[in-house]
Structure formats: structure tokens, C-alpha cells
Amino acid sequence: AMLTDLVRCTVVAEDLQQVGALMAAIDARSVVGLAGVEPRDPIAHDLEANKLDEDEGIMRITSINNRFDESYDDTKTGGYRDLSLSVEVGWVIREGLVSFNKVCDWEALESQRHICEIQVR
């Protein structure tokens, strides 16, 4: 278990098209997954197929919990549905300014890292 919601944002989408547009925007800026972890969710699988090389992404998607999926049993949550993403980001602070780094630069720049949750309702 991992505490991820110390840094969390919530995006309220009006429809599933907006959810898809948000996922496309995140996908365009991300590296997907941890090495050797097979995506279990259809959205994660689609992202994995289009993933960036580590020299291009500014965040790493570490998990996706898709409660919009048709196979999700929403009786457990009283009908509530959402999409929850955990993304890892890396940054450095120089001269009082925060600079986010590409995933490929995290080690070389000795980036601080944190996993954040993005919740889409």
C-alpha cells in the first residue's frame, strides 16, 4: 500500500468524451508504467501501446483505477464512478524555482520525486 493523496487533484468531467480528452492529454506527456508490470485495465493497455520513450515524458503513470469501465461493479460504491490515476513526477529546486524534469533526467539531476493522484469524476 502506498499513500498517494498528499498531492491530489480532482477534475470534474461533464461526459466520457472529456474523460477521454483528459487521458489523451496526460498520455501525450507521460511514460506509462513500472518496468515489468502488465497493464490490467483497458485504458492502461491503450496507453501502454502508445507510450512515450523515457526521454520524452515528464511524468510516469504508475497505476490506473477505472471505475468507468463497464465491468466495474458499482454496487460496491453506491453507483459512484470515477477514474483515478497515480502519476510520479520529478523536480529540482534551484535558486528558489521549481523545475519539473523529464523522466529520463530524474537520476542524473537527482530529482526529488512524488506520486500524485489525479481523480476524474
Foldseek 3Di string as FASTA:
>chain_A
DDDAAVAEDEAEDPDVVVVVVVLVVQLQQEAEEDPPDDADDPSSVVSNVVHDDQQRHQKYWHDKDFQVDPPRDCVVVVNDGKIKIKIKWWWDADPNDIDTDRRVCCVVVVTDMGIHMYIYD
